[in-house]
Amino acid sequence: YILEDNTEIVVQNTLCFDISIIFIIKQWSLNFFLVFMFENRTVQQLFCPKLQIIKTGAFKNSGIIELLPKYTPSLQIIQAEVFYNCKRLKIIELEALEILETSAFAFCTELEVVVLPKLEIVGQEAFDGCVKLSQLAIPNLKEAGDHCFRDCVQLQDVSFPLIKKIGLGAFENCKITKIEIPFEKKETNCKRDEKWGQKARK
């Protein structure tokens, strides 16, 4: 349904989204979005209080601007390439998110802030090519996939107090200057300069 100002669509108990212009999605009861559901659409914002899972590529190349807990407080799983190449996305704060799969936010070139307090697993290439990412808070992270922060050239300060596994080239081409990880030995699949960047230091 399109409201009177023609800038908002309210979705109620329907899976028919053959619409070329959608700005705001409001869905009170839906708990998942299907694969590639809004790929290449102009969607800018989600308001889905019961949403738990977003499936593969659902918002790939879309116009999403922000992901905030007041809009999606129950979101727990983001599958592969869900927000791939979303050029307008600037901030991600998802309090309930636990799993982030492959390339979920890859090439979101305007993304600056990521706050994911419950996230435990970051899939490979999840934030690959997020060249403006400078604020990263994932305190509960236990596993970082291969190349997950590759080419995040603005990222300098990282803290993972619970990390157990760091994948190949997780911080390749980053300019990390400060690292906080547990002292005990962790499982890694890369050399020091591949993981943290040449300027890294403990």
Protein backbone atom coordinates (compact mmCIF):
# COMPACT_ATOMS: atom_id res chain seq x y z
CA TYR A 1 0.00 0.00 0.00
CA ILE A 2 1.40 3.43 -0.90
CA LEU A 3 0.63 6.28 1.43
CA GLU A 4 -0.74 9.62 0.34
CA ASP A 5 2.67 11.27 0.00
CA ASN A 6 3.80 8.43 -2.32
CA THR A 7 7.04 7.95 -0.41
CA GLU A 8 6.18 4.95 1.73
CA ILE A 9 4.89 1.46 1.26
CA VAL A 10 3.30 -0.46 4.11
CA VAL A 11 3.44 -4.21 3.57
CA GLN A 12 0.73 -6.21 5.32
CA ASN A 13 0.57 -10.01 4.95
CA THR A 14 1.69 -10.18 1.34
CA LEU A 15 4.73 -11.44 -0.51
CA CYS A 16 4.01 -9.55 -3.73
CA PHE A 17 6.78 -6.97 -4.19
CA ASP A 18 6.73 -6.33 -7.93
CA ILE A 19 7.09 -2.60 -7.38
CA SER A 20 9.79 -0.41 -8.93
CA ILE A 21 9.85 2.30 -6.24
CA ILE A 22 9.79 1.40 -2.55
CA PHE A 23 11.19 3.76 0.07
CA ILE A 24 10.21 2.37 3.47
CA ILE A 25 9.11 -1.15 4.32
CA LYS A 26 6.90 -1.59 7.39
CA GLN A 27 6.05 -5.15 8.32
CA TRP A 28 4.88 -5.96 11.84
CA SER A 29 4.58 -9.76 11.64
CA LEU A 30 7.00 -11.07 9.00
CA ASN A 31 10.04 -12.83 10.53
CA PHE A 32 12.12 -13.35 7.38
CA PHE A 33 12.71 -11.93 3.89
CA LEU A 34 13.12 -14.28 0.91
CA VAL A 35 16.24 -14.53 -1.27
CA PHE A 36 16.82 -11.56 -3.59
CA MET A 37 13.43 -10.15 -2.56
CA PHE A 38 14.40 -6.48 -2.90
CA GLU A 39 17.52 -6.74 -5.04
CA ASN A 40 18.17 -3.56 -7.06
CA ARG A 41 15.21 -1.77 -5.42
CA THR A 42 15.14 1.75 -3.97
CA VAL A 43 14.35 0.60 -0.42
CA GLN A 44 15.91 3.02 2.07
CA GLN A 45 14.72 1.79 5.46
CA LEU A 46 13.28 -1.28 7.20
CA PHE A 47 10.83 -1.29 10.10
CA CYS A 48 10.28 -4.95 10.99
CA PRO A 49 10.10 -5.58 14.78
CA LYS A 50 9.79 -9.39 14.44
CA LEU A 51 12.29 -9.88 11.63
CA GLN A 52 14.82 -12.60 12.57
CA ILE A 53 16.40 -13.72 9.30
CA ILE A 54 17.23 -11.97 6.04
CA LYS A 55 18.01 -14.49 3.32
CA THR A 56 20.62 -14.45 0.56
CA GLY A 57 20.82 -11.28 -1.51
CA ALA A 58 17.50 -9.89 -0.27
CA PHE A 59 18.65 -6.24 -0.40
CA LYS A 60 21.62 -6.55 -2.76
CA ASN A 61 22.34 -3.28 -4.61
CA SER A 62 19.44 -1.57 -2.82
CA GLY A 63 19.19 1.97 -1.40
CA ILE A 64 19.28 1.05 2.31
CA ILE A 65 20.70 3.95 4.36
CA GLU A 66 20.85 2.59 7.92
CA LEU A 67 20.15 -0.48 10.04
CA LEU A 68 19.20 0.42 13.62
CA PRO A 69 17.87 -1.58 16.61
CA LYS A 70 14.72 0.52 16.91
CA TYR A 71 13.70 -0.71 13.45
CA THR A 72 14.88 -4.35 13.49
CA PRO A 73 15.35 -5.30 17.18
CA SER A 74 14.99 -9.08 16.64
CA LEU A 75 17.28 -9.59 13.64
CA GLN A 76 19.65 -12.51 14.38
CA ILE A 77 20.92 -13.85 11.05
CA ILE A 78 22.01 -12.07 7.88
CA GLN A 79 22.79 -14.52 5.09
CA ALA A 80 25.23 -14.16 2.18
CA GLU A 81 25.30 -10.96 0.10
CA VAL A 82 22.17 -9.56 1.74
CA PHE A 83 23.41 -5.95 1.64
CA TYR A 84 26.13 -6.43 -0.97
CA ASN A 85 27.04 -3.23 -2.80
CA CYS A 86 24.55 -1.01 -0.95
CA LYS A 87 26.27 2.25 -1.78
CA ARG A 88 24.15 4.45 0.52
CA LEU A 89 24.44 2.41 3.72
CA LYS A 90 26.29 4.43 6.39
CA ILE A 91 25.57 2.90 9.79
CA ILE A 92 24.82 -0.56 11.18
CA GLU A 93 23.69 -1.05 14.79
CA LEU A 94 21.99 -4.40 15.35
CA GLU A 95 21.74 -5.48 18.97
CA ALA A 96 20.46 -9.03 18.38
CA LEU A 97 22.57 -10.07 15.38
CA GLU A 98 24.54 -13.30 15.99
CA ILE A 99 25.55 -14.59 12.55
CA LEU A 100 26.79 -12.66 9.53
CA GLU A 101 27.47 -14.71 6.41
CA THR A 102 29.71 -14.35 3.35
CA SER A 103 29.92 -10.90 1.69
CA ALA A 104 26.89 -9.68 3.64
CA PHE A 105 28.05 -6.04 3.56
CA ALA A 106 30.81 -6.24 0.95
CA PHE A 107 31.44 -3.07 -1.06
CA CYS A 108 29.18 -0.85 1.01
CA THR A 109 31.53 1.99 0.21
CA GLU A 110 29.81 4.65 2.37
CA LEU A 111 29.62 2.47 5.50
CA GLU A 112 31.34 4.20 8.44
CA VAL A 113 30.00 2.72 11.69
CA VAL A 114 29.39 -0.93 12.69
CA VAL A 115 28.08 -1.83 16.17
CA LEU A 116 27.15 -5.50 16.67
CA PRO A 117 27.34 -6.38 20.39
CA LYS A 118 26.11 -10.02 20.15
CA LEU A 119 27.71 -11.05 16.88
CA GLU A 120 29.93 -14.15 17.22
CA ILE A 121 30.71 -15.11 13.61
CA VAL A 122 31.72 -12.84 10.74
CA GLY A 123 31.71 -14.69 7.43
CA GLN A 124 34.41 -14.42 4.81
CA GLU A 125 34.54 -11.12 2.92
CA ALA A 126 31.64 -9.83 5.04
CA PHE A 127 32.93 -6.22 5.01
CA ASP A 128 35.31 -6.53 2.07
CA GLY A 129 35.82 -3.20 0.32
CA CYS A 130 34.08 -1.04 2.94
CA VAL A 131 36.62 1.71 2.36
CA LYS A 132 35.11 4.26 4.79
CA LEU A 133 34.59 1.91 7.75
CA SER A 134 36.34 3.56 10.71
CA GLN A 135 34.30 2.64 13.80
CA LEU A 136 34.01 -1.06 14.58
CA ALA A 137 32.53 -2.53 17.78
CA ILE A 138 32.04 -6.32 17.85
CA PRO A 139 33.02 -7.23 21.44
CA ASN A 140 31.61 -10.78 21.37
CA LEU A 141 33.30 -11.83 18.11
CA LYS A 142 34.77 -15.35 18.21
CA GLU A 143 35.43 -16.14 14.56
CA ALA A 144 36.53 -13.78 11.78
CA GLY A 145 36.36 -15.27 8.28
CA ASP A 146 38.86 -14.99 5.45
CA HIS A 147 39.26 -11.46 4.07
CA CYS A 148 36.34 -10.26 6.20
CA PHE A 149 37.73 -6.72 6.57
CA ARG A 150 39.93 -6.60 3.48
CA ASP A 151 40.48 -3.11 2.05
CA CYS A 152 38.82 -1.36 5.00
CA VAL A 153 41.52 1.28 4.64
CA GLN A 154 40.10 3.68 7.26
CA LEU A 155 40.01 1.05 9.98
CA GLN A 156 42.82 1.60 12.50
CA ASP A 157 41.64 0.40 15.93
CA VAL A 158 40.23 -3.10 16.56
CA SER A 159 39.31 -4.90 19.78
CA PHE A 160 38.21 -8.54 19.89
CA PRO A 161 38.54 -9.73 23.52
CA LEU A 162 36.91 -13.14 22.84
CA ILE A 163 38.34 -13.96 19.40
CA LYS A 164 39.28 -17.62 18.81
CA LYS A 165 39.88 -17.81 15.07
CA ILE A 166 41.11 -15.25 12.54
CA GLY A 167 40.92 -16.21 8.87
CA LEU A 168 43.31 -15.68 5.99
CA GLY A 169 43.90 -12.02 5.20
CA ALA A 170 41.15 -10.86 7.53
CA PHE A 171 42.65 -7.35 7.67
CA GLU A 172 44.49 -7.34 4.36
CA ASN A 173 45.34 -3.82 3.14
CA CYS A 174 44.09 -2.23 6.37
CA LYS A 175 46.16 0.35 8.24
CA ILE A 176 45.70 -1.08 11.73
CA THR A 177 47.65 0.77 14.43
CA LYS A 178 46.06 -0.71 17.57
CA ILE A 179 45.04 -4.31 18.24
CA GLU A 180 43.38 -5.76 21.34
CA ILE A 181 43.02 -9.56 21.38
CA PRO A 182 43.53 -12.21 24.10
CA PHE A 183 47.14 -13.05 24.87
CA GLU A 184 46.78 -16.83 24.55
CA LYS A 185 47.48 -18.41 21.17
CA LYS A 186 44.62 -18.32 18.67
CA GLU A 187 44.00 -20.27 15.47
CA THR A 188 45.05 -18.25 12.43
CA ASN A 189 45.52 -19.02 8.76
CA CYS A 190 47.69 -16.12 7.70
CA LYS A 191 50.93 -14.28 8.20
CA ARG A 192 51.05 -11.27 10.48
CA ASP A 193 51.19 -8.67 7.69
CA GLU A 194 48.32 -10.36 5.82
CA LYS A 195 46.13 -10.33 8.89
CA TRP A 196 46.69 -6.87 10.31
CA GLY A 197 48.59 -4.81 7.74
CA GLN A 198 52.23 -3.77 7.77
CA LYS A 199 51.80 -1.05 10.39
CA ALA A 200 50.25 -3.35 12.94
CA ARG A 201 51.65 -3.54 16.45
CA LYS A 202 50.61 -4.99 19.79
